[in-house]
Amino acid sequence: MAEYGPRLYSCCKCRNHIALHDDIISKAFQGRNGRAFLFSHAMNITVGRKEDRNLMTGLHTVADISCADCCEVLGWKYERAYEPSQKYKEGKFILEKSKIVNENW
């Protein structure tokens, strides 16, 4: 039987590894350009400047995240949630489905 590595998501532009499938918390999120996934961790990214944004679930402090290799904006990191019911998002990452591709599956 062949062995396979972990199921990964990669940058759609340069195929840099960005996140592990096992780190998905939810697939029921909305990004700027459609569906998005909430991840507990992300790798090979750069985190931009923090800013307050009014999102569908209220006011959050977020920072855009980009691929560390090609600088493609992939989503954002939740730095702070102002609503108590949204605190679980703090420190988590939104990756837009249109910006990532499956690897090793």
PDB file of N, CA and C in Angstrom:
ATOM      1  N   MET A   1       0.848  -1.187   0.000  1.00  0.00           N
ATOM      2  CA  MET A   1       0.000   0.000   0.000  1.00  0.00           C
ATOM      3  C   MET A   1       0.891   1.247   0.000  1.00  0.00           C
ATOM      4  N   ALA A   2       0.590   2.190  -0.850  1.00  0.00           N
ATOM      5  CA  ALA A   2       1.375   3.423  -0.945  1.00  0.00           C
ATOM      6  C   ALA A   2       1.097   4.327   0.247  1.00  0.00           C
ATOM      7  N   GLU A   3       2.137   5.027   0.669  1.00  0.00           N
ATOM      8  CA  GLU A   3       1.973   5.982   1.768  1.00  0.00           C
ATOM      9  C   GLU A   3       1.879   7.382   1.186  1.00  0.00           C
ATOM     10  N   TYR A   4       1.011   8.171   1.764  1.00  0.00           N
ATOM     11  CA  TYR A   4       0.811   9.542   1.328  1.00  0.00           C
ATOM     12  C   TYR A   4       1.110  10.483   2.478  1.00  0.00           C
ATOM     13  N   GLY A   5       1.550  11.687   2.138  1.00  0.00           N
ATOM     14  CA  GLY A   5       1.809  12.678   3.161  1.00  0.00           C
ATOM     15  C   GLY A   5       0.502  13.298   3.633  1.00  0.00           C
ATOM     16  N   PRO A   6       0.609  14.293   4.489  1.00  0.00           N
ATOM     17  CA  PRO A   6      -0.605  14.951   4.999  1.00  0.00           C
ATOM     18  C   PRO A   6      -1.352  15.681   3.885  1.00  0.00           C
ATOM     19  N   ARG A   7      -2.660  15.756   4.038  1.00  0.00           N
ATOM     20  CA  ARG A   7      -3.470  16.519   3.077  1.00  0.00           C
ATOM     21  C   ARG A   7      -3.245  18.000   3.359  1.00  0.00           C
ATOM     22  N   LEU A   8      -2.835  18.706   2.335  1.00  0.00           N
ATOM     23  CA  LEU A   8      -2.443  20.111   2.461  1.00  0.00           C
ATOM     24  C   LEU A   8      -3.283  21.004   1.568  1.00  0.00           C
ATOM     25  N   TYR A   9      -3.306  22.287   1.936  1.00  0.00           N
ATOM     26  CA  TYR A   9      -3.796  23.331   1.047  1.00  0.00           C
ATOM     27  C   TYR A   9      -2.601  24.210   0.702  1.00  0.00           C
ATOM     28  N   SER A  10      -2.519  24.597  -0.564  1.00  0.00           N
ATOM     29  CA  SER A  10      -1.400  25.400  -1.055  1.00  0.00           C
ATOM     30  C   SER A  10      -1.917  26.670  -1.717  1.00  0.00           C
ATOM     31  N   CYS A  11      -1.029  27.637  -1.847  1.00  0.00           N
ATOM     32  CA  CYS A  11      -1.343  28.882  -2.554  1.00  0.00           C
ATOM     33  C   CYS A  11      -1.717  28.556  -3.996  1.00  0.00           C
ATOM     34  N   CYS A  12      -2.773  29.157  -4.494  1.00  0.00           N
ATOM     35  CA  CYS A  12      -3.235  28.894  -5.861  1.00  0.00           C
ATOM     36  C   CYS A  12      -2.260  29.419  -6.911  1.00  0.00           C
ATOM     37  N   LYS A  13      -1.441  30.372  -6.518  1.00  0.00           N
ATOM     38  CA  LYS A  13      -0.548  31.019  -7.483  1.00  0.00           C
ATOM     39  C   LYS A  13       0.808  30.320  -7.590  1.00  0.00           C
ATOM     40  N   CYS A  14       1.421  29.954  -6.445  1.00  0.00           N
ATOM     41  CA  CYS A  14       2.787  29.417  -6.479  1.00  0.00           C
ATOM     42  C   CYS A  14       2.913  28.024  -5.854  1.00  0.00           C
ATOM     43  N   ARG A  15       1.826  27.482  -5.315  1.00  0.00           N
ATOM     44  CA  ARG A  15       1.788  26.144  -4.702  1.00  0.00           C
ATOM     45  C   ARG A  15       2.592  26.027  -3.400  1.00  0.00           C
ATOM     46  N   ASN A  16       2.894  27.138  -2.763  1.00  0.00           N
ATOM     47  CA  ASN A  16       3.527  27.124  -1.444  1.00  0.00           C
ATOM     48  C   ASN A  16       2.537  26.513  -0.448  1.00  0.00           C
ATOM     49  N   HIS A  17       2.994  25.595   0.407  1.00  0.00           N
ATOM     50  CA  HIS A  17       2.111  24.976   1.398  1.00  0.00           C
ATOM     51  C   HIS A  17       1.654  26.009   2.419  1.00  0.00           C
ATOM     52  N   ILE A  18       0.322  26.079   2.647  1.00  0.00           N
ATOM     53  CA  ILE A  18      -0.268  27.111   3.492  1.00  0.00           C
ATOM     54  C   ILE A  18      -0.942  26.549   4.737  1.00  0.00           C
ATOM     55  N   ALA A  19      -1.625  25.410   4.620  1.00  0.00           N
ATOM     56  CA  ALA A  19      -2.371  24.881   5.765  1.00  0.00           C
ATOM     57  C   ALA A  19      -2.596  23.382   5.623  1.00  0.00           C
ATOM     58  N   LEU A  20      -2.824  22.740   6.760  1.00  0.00           N
ATOM     59  CA  LEU A  20      -3.150  21.313   6.791  1.00  0.00           C
ATOM     60  C   LEU A  20      -4.659  21.134   6.828  1.00  0.00           C
ATOM     61  N   HIS A  21      -5.136  20.143   6.091  1.00  0.00           N
ATOM     62  CA  HIS A  21      -6.570  19.842   6.095  1.00  0.00           C
ATOM     63  C   HIS A  21      -7.074  19.565   7.514  1.00  0.00           C
ATOM     64  N   ASP A  22      -6.253  18.921   8.326  1.00  0.00           N
ATOM     65  CA  ASP A  22      -6.645  18.582   9.703  1.00  0.00           C
ATOM     66  C   ASP A  22      -6.859  19.813  10.584  1.00  0.00           C
ATOM     67  N   ASP A  23      -6.387  20.976  10.158  1.00  0.00           N
ATOM     68  CA  ASP A  23      -6.530  22.201  10.949  1.00  0.00           C
ATOM     69  C   ASP A  23      -7.785  22.999  10.606  1.00  0.00           C
ATOM     70  N   ILE A  24      -8.643  22.470   9.724  1.00  0.00           N
ATOM     71  CA  ILE A  24      -9.901  23.161   9.416  1.00  0.00           C
ATOM     72  C   ILE A  24     -10.832  23.083  10.620  1.00  0.00           C
ATOM     73  N   ILE A  25     -11.349  24.228  11.004  1.00  0.00           N
ATOM     74  CA  ILE A  25     -12.354  24.303  12.069  1.00  0.00           C
ATOM     75  C   ILE A  25     -13.745  24.334  11.456  1.00  0.00           C
ATOM     76  N   SER A  26     -13.894  25.101  10.364  1.00  0.00           N
ATOM     77  CA  SER A  26     -15.202  25.223   9.720  1.00  0.00           C
ATOM     78  C   SER A  26     -15.036  25.574   8.243  1.00  0.00           C
ATOM     79  N   LYS A  27     -15.955  25.043   7.425  1.00  0.00           N
ATOM     80  CA  LYS A  27     -15.996  25.384   6.000  1.00  0.00           C
ATOM     81  C   LYS A  27     -17.166  26.316   5.695  1.00  0.00           C
ATOM     82  N   ALA A  28     -17.810  26.831   6.721  1.00  0.00           N
ATOM     83  CA  ALA A  28     -19.034  27.625   6.559  1.00  0.00           C
ATOM     84  C   ALA A  28     -18.787  29.123   6.733  1.00  0.00           C
ATOM     85  N   PHE A  29     -17.691  29.624   6.173  1.00  0.00           N
ATOM     86  CA  PHE A  29     -17.380  31.049   6.297  1.00  0.00           C
ATOM     87  C   PHE A  29     -17.454  31.728   4.947  1.00  0.00           C
ATOM     88  N   GLN A  30     -17.557  33.039   4.988  1.00  0.00           N
ATOM     89  CA  GLN A  30     -17.644  33.865   3.789  1.00  0.00           C
ATOM     90  C   GLN A  30     -16.420  34.766   3.732  1.00  0.00           C
ATOM     91  N   GLY A  31     -15.713  34.735   2.609  1.00  0.00           N
ATOM     92  CA  GLY A  31     -14.577  35.623   2.400  1.00  0.00           C
ATOM     93  C   GLY A  31     -14.982  36.794   1.529  1.00  0.00           C
ATOM     94  N   ARG A  32     -13.996  37.543   1.077  1.00  0.00           N
ATOM     95  CA  ARG A  32     -14.273  38.675   0.186  1.00  0.00           C
ATOM     96  C   ARG A  32     -14.812  38.203  -1.164  1.00  0.00           C
ATOM     97  N   ASN A  33     -14.335  37.032  -1.609  1.00  0.00           N
ATOM     98  CA  ASN A  33     -14.655  36.545  -2.950  1.00  0.00           C
ATOM     99  C   ASN A  33     -15.426  35.233  -2.936  1.00  0.00           C
ATOM    100  N   GLY A  34     -16.219  34.992  -1.908  1.00  0.00           N
ATOM    101  CA  GLY A  34     -16.985  33.748  -1.854  1.00  0.00           C
ATOM    102  C   GLY A  34     -16.653  32.930  -0.623  1.00  0.00           C
ATOM    103  N   ARG A  35     -16.805  31.607  -0.774  1.00  0.00           N
ATOM    104  CA  ARG A  35     -16.608  30.700   0.353  1.00  0.00           C
ATOM    105  C   ARG A  35     -15.203  30.770   0.928  1.00  0.00           C
ATOM    106  N   ALA A  36     -15.128  30.528   2.233  1.00  0.00           N
ATOM    107  CA  ALA A  36     -13.839  30.533   2.914  1.00  0.00           C
ATOM    108  C   ALA A  36     -13.864  29.509   4.038  1.00  0.00           C
ATOM    109  N   PHE A  37     -12.664  29.083   4.450  1.00  0.00           N
ATOM    110  CA  PHE A  37     -12.520  28.108   5.521  1.00  0.00           C
ATOM    111  C   PHE A  37     -11.839  28.771   6.711  1.00  0.00           C
ATOM    112  N   LEU A  38     -12.245  28.374   7.912  1.00  0.00           N
ATOM    113  CA  LEU A  38     -11.591  28.836   9.141  1.00  0.00           C
ATOM    114  C   LEU A  38     -10.602  27.758   9.573  1.00  0.00           C
ATOM    115  N   PHE A  39      -9.330  28.145   9.733  1.00  0.00           N
ATOM    116  CA  PHE A  39      -8.261  27.231  10.139  1.00  0.00           C
ATOM    117  C   PHE A  39      -7.712  27.636  11.506  1.00  0.00           C
ATOM    118  N   SER A  40      -7.257  26.641  12.258  1.00  0.00           N
ATOM    119  CA  SER A  40      -6.625  26.923  13.546  1.00  0.00           C
ATOM    120  C   SER A  40      -5.179  27.383  13.368  1.00  0.00           C
ATOM    121  N   HIS A  41      -4.527  26.952  12.282  1.00  0.00           N
ATOM    122  CA  HIS A  41      -3.133  27.303  12.021  1.00  0.00           C
ATOM    123  C   HIS A  41      -2.944  27.564  10.525  1.00  0.00           C
ATOM    124  N   ALA A  42      -1.914  28.331  10.206  1.00  0.00           N
ATOM    125  CA  ALA A  42      -1.486  28.537   8.822  1.00  0.00           C
ATOM    126  C   ALA A  42       0.035  28.642   8.834  1.00  0.00           C
ATOM    127  N   MET A  43       0.657  28.314   7.704  1.00  0.00           N
ATOM    128  CA  MET A  43       2.124  28.342   7.622  1.00  0.00           C
ATOM    129  C   MET A  43       2.554  29.032   6.334  1.00  0.00           C
ATOM    130  N   ASN A  44       3.798  29.443   6.318  1.00  0.00           N
ATOM    131  CA  ASN A  44       4.391  30.080   5.130  1.00  0.00           C
ATOM    132  C   ASN A  44       3.582  31.292   4.670  1.00  0.00           C
ATOM    133  N   ILE A  45       3.171  32.080   5.640  1.00  0.00           N
ATOM    134  CA  ILE A  45       2.393  33.294   5.365  1.00  0.00           C
ATOM    135  C   ILE A  45       3.073  34.490   6.012  1.00  0.00           C
ATOM    136  N   THR A  46       2.695  35.667   5.550  1.00  0.00           N
ATOM    137  CA  THR A  46       3.053  36.901   6.240  1.00  0.00           C
ATOM    138  C   THR A  46       1.749  37.542   6.703  1.00  0.00           C
ATOM    139  N   VAL A  47       1.813  38.150   7.868  1.00  0.00           N
ATOM    140  CA  VAL A  47       0.642  38.791   8.464  1.00  0.00           C
ATOM    141  C   VAL A  47       0.800  40.295   8.319  1.00  0.00           C
ATOM    142  N   GLY A  48      -0.214  40.923   7.745  1.00  0.00           N
ATOM    143  CA  GLY A  48      -0.173  42.366   7.505  1.00  0.00           C
ATOM    144  C   GLY A  48      -0.540  43.191   8.730  1.00  0.00           C
ATOM    145  N   ARG A  49      -0.816  44.434   8.476  1.00  0.00           N
ATOM    146  CA  ARG A  49      -1.160  45.405   9.513  1.00  0.00           C
ATOM    147  C   ARG A  49      -2.560  45.130  10.056  1.00  0.00           C
ATOM    148  N   LYS A  50      -2.708  45.265  11.364  1.00  0.00           N
ATOM    149  CA  LYS A  50      -4.013  45.080  11.997  1.00  0.00           C
ATOM    150  C   LYS A  50      -4.923  46.259  11.673  1.00  0.00           C
ATOM    151  N   GLU A  51      -6.202  45.943  11.459  1.00  0.00           N
ATOM    152  CA  GLU A  51      -7.201  46.995  11.254  1.00  0.00           C
ATOM    153  C   GLU A  51      -8.561  46.485  11.707  1.00  0.00           C
ATOM    154  N   ASP A  52      -9.406  47.410  12.113  1.00  0.00           N
ATOM    155  CA  ASP A  52     -10.774  47.048  12.490  1.00  0.00           C
ATOM    156  C   ASP A  52     -11.625  46.959  11.233  1.00  0.00           C
ATOM    157  N   ARG A  53     -12.406  45.874  11.139  1.00  0.00           N
ATOM    158  CA  ARG A  53     -13.326  45.698  10.012  1.00  0.00           C
ATOM    159  C   ARG A  53     -14.678  45.276  10.544  1.00  0.00           C
ATOM    160  N   ASN A  54     -15.710  45.830   9.940  1.00  0.00           N
ATOM    161  CA  ASN A  54     -17.075  45.412  10.239  1.00  0.00           C
ATOM    162  C   ASN A  54     -17.404  44.246   9.318  1.00  0.00           C
ATOM    163  N   LEU A  55     -17.401  43.048   9.856  1.00  0.00           N
ATOM    164  CA  LEU A  55     -17.687  41.843   9.089  1.00  0.00           C
ATOM    165  C   LEU A  55     -19.131  41.412   9.337  1.00  0.00           C
ATOM    166  N   MET A  56     -19.559  40.333   8.699  1.00  0.00           N
ATOM    167  CA  MET A  56     -20.955  39.876   8.822  1.00  0.00           C
ATOM    168  C   MET A  56     -21.342  39.582  10.272  1.00  0.00           C
ATOM    169  N   THR A  57     -20.363  39.189  11.086  1.00  0.00           N
ATOM    170  CA  THR A  57     -20.650  38.834  12.481  1.00  0.00           C
ATOM    171  C   THR A  57     -20.249  39.920  13.464  1.00  0.00           C
ATOM    172  N   GLY A  58     -20.044  41.128  12.978  1.00  0.00           N
ATOM    173  CA  GLY A  58     -19.737  42.248  13.864  1.00  0.00           C
ATOM    174  C   GLY A  58     -18.335  42.788  13.652  1.00  0.00           C
ATOM    175  N   LEU A  59     -17.918  43.649  14.572  1.00  0.00           N
ATOM    176  CA  LEU A  59     -16.625  44.315  14.489  1.00  0.00           C
ATOM    177  C   LEU A  59     -15.515  43.373  14.963  1.00  0.00           C
ATOM    178  N   HIS A  60     -14.446  43.280  14.152  1.00  0.00           N
ATOM    179  CA  HIS A  60     -13.289  42.459  14.482  1.00  0.00           C
ATOM    180  C   HIS A  60     -12.029  43.249  14.135  1.00  0.00           C
ATOM    181  N   THR A  61     -10.945  42.978  14.848  1.00  0.00           N
ATOM    182  CA  THR A  61      -9.630  43.437  14.442  1.00  0.00           C
ATOM    183  C   THR A  61      -9.007  42.287  13.676  1.00  0.00           C
ATOM    184  N   VAL A  62      -8.631  42.546  12.429  1.00  0.00           N
ATOM    185  CA  VAL A  62      -8.082  41.509  11.551  1.00  0.00           C
ATOM    186  C   VAL A  62      -6.811  42.020  10.888  1.00  0.00           C
ATOM    187  N   ALA A  63      -6.043  41.084  10.346  1.00  0.00           N
ATOM    188  CA  ALA A  63      -4.854  41.417   9.558  1.00  0.00           C
ATOM    189  C   ALA A  63      -4.857  40.517   8.339  1.00  0.00           C
ATOM    190  N   ASP A  64      -4.689  41.100   7.158  1.00  0.00           N
ATOM    191  CA  ASP A  64      -4.623  40.293   5.942  1.00  0.00           C
ATOM    192  C   ASP A  64      -3.434  39.343   6.027  1.00  0.00           C
ATOM    193  N   ILE A  65      -3.592  38.143   5.468  1.00  0.00           N
ATOM    194  CA  ILE A  65      -2.488  37.195   5.389  1.00  0.00           C
ATOM    195  C   ILE A  65      -2.181  36.935   3.923  1.00  0.00           C
ATOM    196  N   SER A  66      -0.884  36.859   3.634  1.00  0.00           N
ATOM    197  CA  SER A  66      -0.411  36.675   2.262  1.00  0.00           C
ATOM    198  C   SER A  66       0.555  35.501   2.209  1.00  0.00           C
ATOM    199  N   CYS A  67       0.677  34.903   1.040  1.00  0.00           N
ATOM    200  CA  CYS A  67       1.654  33.854   0.807  1.00  0.00           C
ATOM    201  C   CYS A  67       3.054  34.444   1.000  1.00  0.00           C
ATOM    202  N   ALA A  68       3.895  33.752   1.763  1.00  0.00           N
ATOM    203  CA  ALA A  68       5.250  34.247   2.027  1.00  0.00           C
ATOM    204  C   ALA A  68       6.120  34.221   0.773  1.00  0.00           C
ATOM    205  N   ASP A  69       5.772  33.391  -0.215  1.00  0.00           N
ATOM    206  CA  ASP A  69       6.589  33.307  -1.437  1.00  0.00           C
ATOM    207  C   ASP A  69       6.178  34.318  -2.505  1.00  0.00           C
ATOM    208  N   CYS A  70       4.890  34.351  -2.843  1.00  0.00           N
ATOM    209  CA  CYS A  70       4.468  35.187  -3.979  1.00  0.00           C
ATOM    210  C   CYS A  70       3.666  36.430  -3.570  1.00  0.00           C
ATOM    211  N   CYS A  71       3.352  36.572  -2.283  1.00  0.00           N
ATOM    212  CA  CYS A  71       2.649  37.742  -1.730  1.00  0.00           C
ATOM    213  C   CYS A  71       1.167  37.821  -2.105  1.00  0.00           C
ATOM    214  N   GLU A  72       0.596  36.741  -2.652  1.00  0.00           N
ATOM    215  CA  GLU A  72      -0.834  36.713  -2.954  1.00  0.00           C
ATOM    216  C   GLU A  72      -1.618  36.795  -1.644  1.00  0.00           C
ATOM    217  N   VAL A  73      -2.589  37.719  -1.561  1.00  0.00           N
ATOM    218  CA  VAL A  73      -3.438  37.804  -0.371  1.00  0.00           C
ATOM    219  C   VAL A  73      -4.381  36.599  -0.385  1.00  0.00           C
ATOM    220  N   LEU A  74      -4.359  35.833   0.712  1.00  0.00           N
ATOM    221  CA  LEU A  74      -5.106  34.577   0.794  1.00  0.00           C
ATOM    222  C   LEU A  74      -6.314  34.652   1.711  1.00  0.00           C
ATOM    223  N   GLY A  75      -6.349  35.652   2.574  1.00  0.00           N
ATOM    224  CA  GLY A  75      -7.430  35.774   3.555  1.00  0.00           C
ATOM    225  C   GLY A  75      -7.022  36.710   4.666  1.00  0.00           C
ATOM    226  N   TRP A  76      -7.402  36.371   5.900  1.00  0.00           N
ATOM    227  CA  TRP A  76      -7.040  37.219   7.031  1.00  0.00           C
ATOM    228  C   TRP A  76      -6.933  36.419   8.310  1.00  0.00           C
ATOM    229  N   LYS A  77      -6.297  37.043   9.301  1.00  0.00           N
ATOM    230  CA  LYS A  77      -6.183  36.473  10.639  1.00  0.00           C
ATOM    231  C   LYS A  77      -7.057  37.291  11.569  1.00  0.00           C
ATOM    232  N   TYR A  78      -7.843  36.609  12.391  1.00  0.00           N
ATOM    233  CA  TYR A  78      -8.641  37.288  13.411  1.00  0.00           C
ATOM    234  C   TYR A  78      -7.731  37.593  14.595  1.00  0.00           C
ATOM    235  N   GLU A  79      -7.518  38.852  14.866  1.00  0.00           N
ATOM    236  CA  GLU A  79      -6.706  39.265  16.009  1.00  0.00           C
ATOM    237  C   GLU A  79      -7.567  39.494  17.253  1.00  0.00           C
ATOM    238  N   ARG A  80      -8.755  40.081  17.024  1.00  0.00           N
ATOM    239  CA  ARG A  80      -9.638  40.372  18.155  1.00  0.00           C
ATOM    240  C   ARG A  80     -11.084  40.369  17.697  1.00  0.00           C
ATOM    241  N   ALA A  81     -11.939  39.791  18.520  1.00  0.00           N
ATOM    242  CA  ALA A  81     -13.385  39.826  18.285  1.00  0.00           C
ATOM    243  C   ALA A  81     -14.002  40.624  19.425  1.00  0.00           C
ATOM    244  N   TYR A  82     -14.887  41.538  19.097  1.00  0.00           N
ATOM    245  CA  TYR A  82     -15.484  42.404  20.117  1.00  0.00           C
ATOM    246  C   TYR A  82     -16.735  41.797  20.734  1.00  0.00           C
ATOM    247  N   GLU A  83     -17.408  40.924  19.984  1.00  0.00           N
ATOM    248  CA  GLU A  83     -18.609  40.261  20.501  1.00  0.00           C
ATOM    249  C   GLU A  83     -18.200  39.000  21.257  1.00  0.00           C
ATOM    250  N   PRO A  84     -18.731  38.809  22.461  1.00  0.00           N
ATOM    251  CA  PRO A  84     -18.364  37.609  23.237  1.00  0.00           C
ATOM    252  C   PRO A  84     -18.587  36.295  22.486  1.00  0.00           C
ATOM    253  N   SER A  85     -19.640  36.210  21.682  1.00  0.00           N
ATOM    254  CA  SER A  85     -19.938  34.970  20.959  1.00  0.00           C
ATOM    255  C   SER A  85     -18.941  34.695  19.831  1.00  0.00           C
ATOM    256  N   GLN A  86     -18.108  35.678  19.480  1.00  0.00           N
ATOM    257  CA  GLN A  86     -17.159  35.538  18.375  1.00  0.00           C
ATOM    258  C   GLN A  86     -15.715  35.356  18.843  1.00  0.00           C
ATOM    259  N   LYS A  87     -15.487  35.310  20.150  1.00  0.00           N
ATOM    260  CA  LYS A  87     -14.134  35.217  20.715  1.00  0.00           C
ATOM    261  C   LYS A  87     -13.378  33.970  20.244  1.00  0.00           C
ATOM    262  N   TYR A  88     -14.102  32.910  19.905  1.00  0.00           N
ATOM    263  CA  TYR A  88     -13.448  31.665  19.468  1.00  0.00           C
ATOM    264  C   TYR A  88     -12.617  31.858  18.203  1.00  0.00           C
ATOM    265  N   LYS A  89     -12.858  32.934  17.454  1.00  0.00           N
ATOM    266  CA  LYS A  89     -12.140  33.195  16.206  1.00  0.00           C
ATOM    267  C   LYS A  89     -10.756  33.809  16.442  1.00  0.00           C
ATOM    268  N   GLU A  90     -10.527  34.357  17.611  1.00  0.00           N
ATOM    269  CA  GLU A  90      -9.270  35.063  17.866  1.00  0.00           C
ATOM    270  C   GLU A  90      -8.065  34.139  17.660  1.00  0.00           C
ATOM    271  N   GLY A  91      -7.092  34.619  16.892  1.00  0.00           N
ATOM    272  CA  GLY A  91      -5.897  33.852  16.597  1.00  0.00           C
ATOM    273  C   GLY A  91      -6.065  32.837  15.476  1.00  0.00           C
ATOM    274  N   LYS A  92      -7.258  32.781  14.873  1.00  0.00           N
ATOM    275  CA  LYS A  92      -7.553  31.830  13.804  1.00  0.00           C
ATOM    276  C   LYS A  92      -7.417  32.514  12.435  1.00  0.00           C
ATOM    277  N   PHE A  93      -7.433  31.707  11.386  1.00  0.00           N
ATOM    278  CA  PHE A  93      -7.148  32.179  10.028  1.00  0.00           C
ATOM    279  C   PHE A  93      -8.291  31.862   9.073  1.00  0.00           C
ATOM    280  N   ILE A  94      -8.668  32.838   8.280  1.00  0.00           N
ATOM    281  CA  ILE A  94      -9.607  32.637   7.168  1.00  0.00           C
ATOM    282  C   ILE A  94      -8.786  32.513   5.893  1.00  0.00           C
ATOM    283  N   LEU A  95      -8.991  31.402   5.182  1.00  0.00           N
ATOM    284  CA  LEU A  95      -8.390  31.223   3.858  1.00  0.00           C
ATOM    285  C   LEU A  95      -9.512  31.100   2.847  1.00  0.00           C
ATOM    286  N   GLU A  96      -9.465  31.940   1.839  1.00  0.00           N
ATOM    287  CA  GLU A  96     -10.517  31.932   0.823  1.00  0.00           C
ATOM    288  C   GLU A  96     -10.348  30.720  -0.087  1.00  0.00           C
ATOM    289  N   LYS A  97     -11.435  30.024  -0.326  1.00  0.00           N
ATOM    290  CA  LYS A  97     -11.410  28.796  -1.130  1.00  0.00           C
ATOM    291  C   LYS A  97     -10.843  29.057  -2.525  1.00  0.00           C
ATOM    292  N   SER A  98     -11.126  30.204  -3.087  1.00  0.00           N
ATOM    293  CA  SER A  98     -10.638  30.525  -4.436  1.00  0.00           C
ATOM    294  C   SER A  98      -9.141  30.797  -4.473  1.00  0.00           C
ATOM    295  N   LYS A  99      -8.495  30.940  -3.327  1.00  0.00           N
ATOM    296  CA  LYS A  99      -7.081  31.286  -3.255  1.00  0.00           C
ATOM    297  C   LYS A  99      -6.176  30.106  -2.875  1.00  0.00           C
ATOM    298  N   ILE A 100      -6.793  28.942  -2.579  1.00  0.00           N
ATOM    299  CA  ILE A 100      -6.013  27.781  -2.170  1.00  0.00           C
ATOM    300  C   ILE A 100      -6.396  26.563  -3.018  1.00  0.00           C
ATOM    301  N   VAL A 101      -5.466  25.620  -3.129  1.00  0.00           N
ATOM    302  CA  VAL A 101      -5.705  24.386  -3.874  1.00  0.00           C
ATOM    303  C   VAL A 101      -5.325  23.188  -3.007  1.00  0.00           C
ATOM    304  N   ASN A 102      -5.952  22.036  -3.284  1.00  0.00           N
ATOM    305  CA  ASN A 102      -5.656  20.803  -2.567  1.00  0.00           C
ATOM    306  C   ASN A 102      -4.335  20.212  -3.048  1.00  0.00           C
ATOM    307  N   GLU A 103      -3.547  19.685  -2.110  1.00  0.00           N
ATOM    308  CA  GLU A 103      -2.323  18.956  -2.437  1.00  0.00           C
ATOM    309  C   GLU A 103      -2.354  17.619  -1.710  1.00  0.00           C
ATOM    310  N   ASN A 104      -1.771  16.602  -2.310  1.00  0.00           N
ATOM    311  CA  ASN A 104      -1.638  15.259  -1.700  1.00  0.00           C
ATOM    312  C   ASN A 104      -2.966  14.567  -1.449  1.00  0.00           C
ATOM    313  N   TRP A 105      -3.979  14.762  -2.315  1.00  0.00           N
ATOM    314  CA  TRP A 105      -5.202  13.989  -2.175  1.00  0.00           C
ATOM    315  C   TRP A 105      -5.678  13.511  -3.491  1.00  0.00           C
TER     316      TRP A 105
END
